[in-house]
Amino acid sequence: MASRKGEKSISLATVLDLNEASTLRSKLMGLRGSNVVIDASGVEKVGALCVQVLMAAAKTWDEDKLSFTFTKVSDAFHKTMQLIGINIDHLLAKEIRQ
């Protein structure tokens, strides 16, 4: 995928559990200052701590007035977010909004 100037992309791990949370946080903080595009198409399992990391990052990017967008999400990722009461529709790329 071609990215726009100043835009960085990241693909999330298959399993977003307690062990992945600090790695995810570090990866995201390394992208701070850039618009971020996230590919969650390969996610099979999502834990609450990684959801917190992602939502905190989304808020940080919003405060920095930069974009933080999911371009692809797996059914497992989307359903888990819905199940725990997190609405990410505003973070989805226009092409994948339902």
C-alpha atoms as a PDB file:
ATOM      1  CA  MET A   1       0.000   0.000   0.000  1.00  0.00           C
ATOM      2  CA  ALA A   2       1.370   3.377  -0.979  1.00  0.00           C
ATOM      3  CA  SER A   3       1.349   5.815   1.863  1.00  0.00           C
ATOM      4  CA  ARG A   4       0.968   9.546   1.804  1.00  0.00           C
ATOM      5  CA  LYS A   5       3.793  11.796   2.921  1.00  0.00           C
ATOM      6  CA  GLY A   6       4.195  11.692   6.685  1.00  0.00           C
ATOM      7  CA  GLU A   7       2.010   8.593   7.002  1.00  0.00           C
ATOM      8  CA  LYS A   8       3.279   5.424   8.656  1.00  0.00           C
ATOM      9  CA  SER A   9       1.635   2.015   8.688  1.00  0.00           C
ATOM     10  CA  ILE A  10       1.638  -0.812  11.183  1.00  0.00           C
ATOM     11  CA  SER A  11       0.236  -4.335  11.019  1.00  0.00           C
ATOM     12  CA  LEU A  12      -1.080  -5.689  14.285  1.00  0.00           C
ATOM     13  CA  ALA A  13      -0.008  -9.090  15.608  1.00  0.00           C
ATOM     14  CA  THR A  14      -2.296 -12.103  15.270  1.00  0.00           C
ATOM     15  CA  VAL A  15      -2.747 -12.281  19.042  1.00  0.00           C
ATOM     16  CA  LEU A  16      -3.093  -9.025  20.960  1.00  0.00           C
ATOM     17  CA  ASP A  17      -2.720 -10.253  24.524  1.00  0.00           C
ATOM     18  CA  LEU A  18      -0.961  -9.165  27.706  1.00  0.00           C
ATOM     19  CA  ASN A  19       2.428 -10.152  26.267  1.00  0.00           C
ATOM     20  CA  GLU A  20       1.876  -7.995  23.163  1.00  0.00           C
ATOM     21  CA  ALA A  21       0.669  -4.853  24.988  1.00  0.00           C
ATOM     22  CA  SER A  22       4.063  -3.319  25.793  1.00  0.00           C
ATOM     23  CA  THR A  23       5.419  -4.170  22.337  1.00  0.00           C
ATOM     24  CA  LEU A  24       2.383  -2.555  20.733  1.00  0.00           C
ATOM     25  CA  ARG A  25       2.776   0.548  22.886  1.00  0.00           C
ATOM     26  CA  SER A  26       6.445   0.851  21.942  1.00  0.00           C
ATOM     27  CA  LYS A  27       5.695   0.458  18.228  1.00  0.00           C
ATOM     28  CA  LEU A  28       2.983   3.099  18.367  1.00  0.00           C
ATOM     29  CA  MET A  29       5.062   5.572  20.344  1.00  0.00           C
ATOM     30  CA  GLY A  30       7.795   5.155  17.743  1.00  0.00           C
ATOM     31  CA  LEU A  31       5.299   6.418  15.160  1.00  0.00           C
ATOM     32  CA  ARG A  32       4.252   9.467  17.145  1.00  0.00           C
ATOM     33  CA  GLY A  33       4.307  12.644  15.120  1.00  0.00           C
ATOM     34  CA  SER A  34       3.113  10.881  11.960  1.00  0.00           C
ATOM     35  CA  ASN A  35      -0.296  10.018  10.610  1.00  0.00           C
ATOM     36  CA  VAL A  36      -0.824   6.313  11.351  1.00  0.00           C
ATOM     37  CA  VAL A  37      -2.605   3.656   9.317  1.00  0.00           C
ATOM     38  CA  ILE A  38      -3.291   0.360  11.090  1.00  0.00           C
ATOM     39  CA  ASP A  39      -3.886  -3.008   9.465  1.00  0.00           C
ATOM     40  CA  ALA A  40      -5.789  -5.270  11.860  1.00  0.00           C
ATOM     41  CA  SER A  41      -6.807  -7.786   9.183  1.00  0.00           C
ATOM     42  CA  GLY A  42      -4.711 -10.599  10.666  1.00  0.00           C
ATOM     43  CA  VAL A  43      -5.915 -10.234  14.255  1.00  0.00           C
ATOM     44  CA  GLU A  44      -7.510 -13.386  15.640  1.00  0.00           C
ATOM     45  CA  LYS A  45      -7.600 -12.571  19.365  1.00  0.00           C
ATOM     46  CA  VAL A  46      -7.804  -9.241  21.198  1.00  0.00           C
ATOM     47  CA  GLY A  47      -7.217  -8.673  24.893  1.00  0.00           C
ATOM     48  CA  ALA A  48      -8.502  -5.704  26.872  1.00  0.00           C
ATOM     49  CA  LEU A  49      -5.042  -4.318  27.646  1.00  0.00           C
ATOM     50  CA  CYS A  50      -4.184  -4.007  23.939  1.00  0.00           C
ATOM     51  CA  VAL A  51      -7.559  -2.350  23.359  1.00  0.00           C
ATOM     52  CA  GLN A  52      -6.610   0.188  26.030  1.00  0.00           C
ATOM     53  CA  VAL A  53      -3.256   0.792  24.325  1.00  0.00           C
ATOM     54  CA  LEU A  54      -4.968   1.339  20.962  1.00  0.00           C
ATOM     55  CA  MET A  55      -7.630   3.652  22.371  1.00  0.00           C
ATOM     56  CA  ALA A  56      -5.060   5.669  24.328  1.00  0.00           C
ATOM     57  CA  ALA A  57      -3.017   6.012  21.133  1.00  0.00           C
ATOM     58  CA  ALA A  58      -6.113   7.111  19.194  1.00  0.00           C
ATOM     59  CA  LYS A  59      -6.740   9.811  21.799  1.00  0.00           C
ATOM     60  CA  THR A  60      -3.097  10.900  21.732  1.00  0.00           C
ATOM     61  CA  TRP A  61      -3.119  11.190  17.934  1.00  0.00           C
ATOM     62  CA  ASP A  62      -6.374  13.129  18.097  1.00  0.00           C
ATOM     63  CA  GLU A  63      -4.848  15.554  20.605  1.00  0.00           C
ATOM     64  CA  ASP A  64      -1.809  15.878  18.306  1.00  0.00           C
ATOM     65  CA  LYS A  65      -4.232  16.625  15.428  1.00  0.00           C
ATOM     66  CA  LEU A  66      -2.931  13.682  13.393  1.00  0.00           C
ATOM     67  CA  SER A  67      -4.870  10.821  11.829  1.00  0.00           C
ATOM     68  CA  PHE A  68      -5.041   7.376  13.418  1.00  0.00           C
ATOM     69  CA  THR A  69      -6.976   5.096  11.086  1.00  0.00           C
ATOM     70  CA  PHE A  70      -7.710   1.398  10.734  1.00  0.00           C
ATOM     71  CA  THR A  71      -7.605   0.490   7.031  1.00  0.00           C
ATOM     72  CA  LYS A  72      -8.420  -3.182   7.493  1.00  0.00           C
ATOM     73  CA  VAL A  73      -9.943  -5.053  10.431  1.00  0.00           C
ATOM     74  CA  SER A  74     -10.647  -8.740  10.853  1.00  0.00           C
ATOM     75  CA  ASP A  75     -14.076  -9.960  11.935  1.00  0.00           C
ATOM     76  CA  ALA A  76     -12.531 -11.137  15.215  1.00  0.00           C
ATOM     77  CA  PHE A  77     -11.083  -7.683  15.896  1.00  0.00           C
ATOM     78  CA  HIS A  78     -14.297  -5.839  15.049  1.00  0.00           C
ATOM     79  CA  LYS A  79     -16.539  -8.243  16.978  1.00  0.00           C
ATOM     80  CA  THR A  80     -14.309  -8.129  20.061  1.00  0.00           C
ATOM     81  CA  MET A  81     -14.363  -4.341  20.044  1.00  0.00           C
ATOM     82  CA  GLN A  82     -18.165  -4.387  19.808  1.00  0.00           C
ATOM     83  CA  LEU A  83     -18.420  -7.038  22.528  1.00  0.00           C
ATOM     84  CA  ILE A  84     -16.492  -4.943  25.038  1.00  0.00           C
ATOM     85  CA  GLY A  85     -18.375  -1.794  24.067  1.00  0.00           C
ATOM     86  CA  ILE A  86     -15.765   0.055  22.030  1.00  0.00           C
ATOM     87  CA  ASN A  87     -17.049   1.803  18.924  1.00  0.00           C
ATOM     88  CA  ILE A  88     -14.206   2.255  16.447  1.00  0.00           C
ATOM     89  CA  ASP A  89     -16.363   3.317  13.506  1.00  0.00           C
ATOM     90  CA  HIS A  90     -14.933   6.839  13.631  1.00  0.00           C
ATOM     91  CA  LEU A  91     -11.432   5.342  13.307  1.00  0.00           C
ATOM     92  CA  LEU A  92     -12.214   3.174  10.292  1.00  0.00           C
ATOM     93  CA  ALA A  93     -11.137   4.246   6.833  1.00  0.00           C
ATOM     94  CA  LYS A  94     -14.083   5.424   4.756  1.00  0.00           C
ATOM     95  CA  GLU A  95     -13.736   2.414   2.465  1.00  0.00           C
ATOM     96  CA  ILE A  96     -14.473  -0.107   5.229  1.00  0.00           C
ATOM     97  CA  ARG A  97     -17.115   1.662   7.311  1.00  0.00           C
ATOM     98  CA  GLN A  98     -20.283  -0.370   7.653  1.00  0.00           C
END
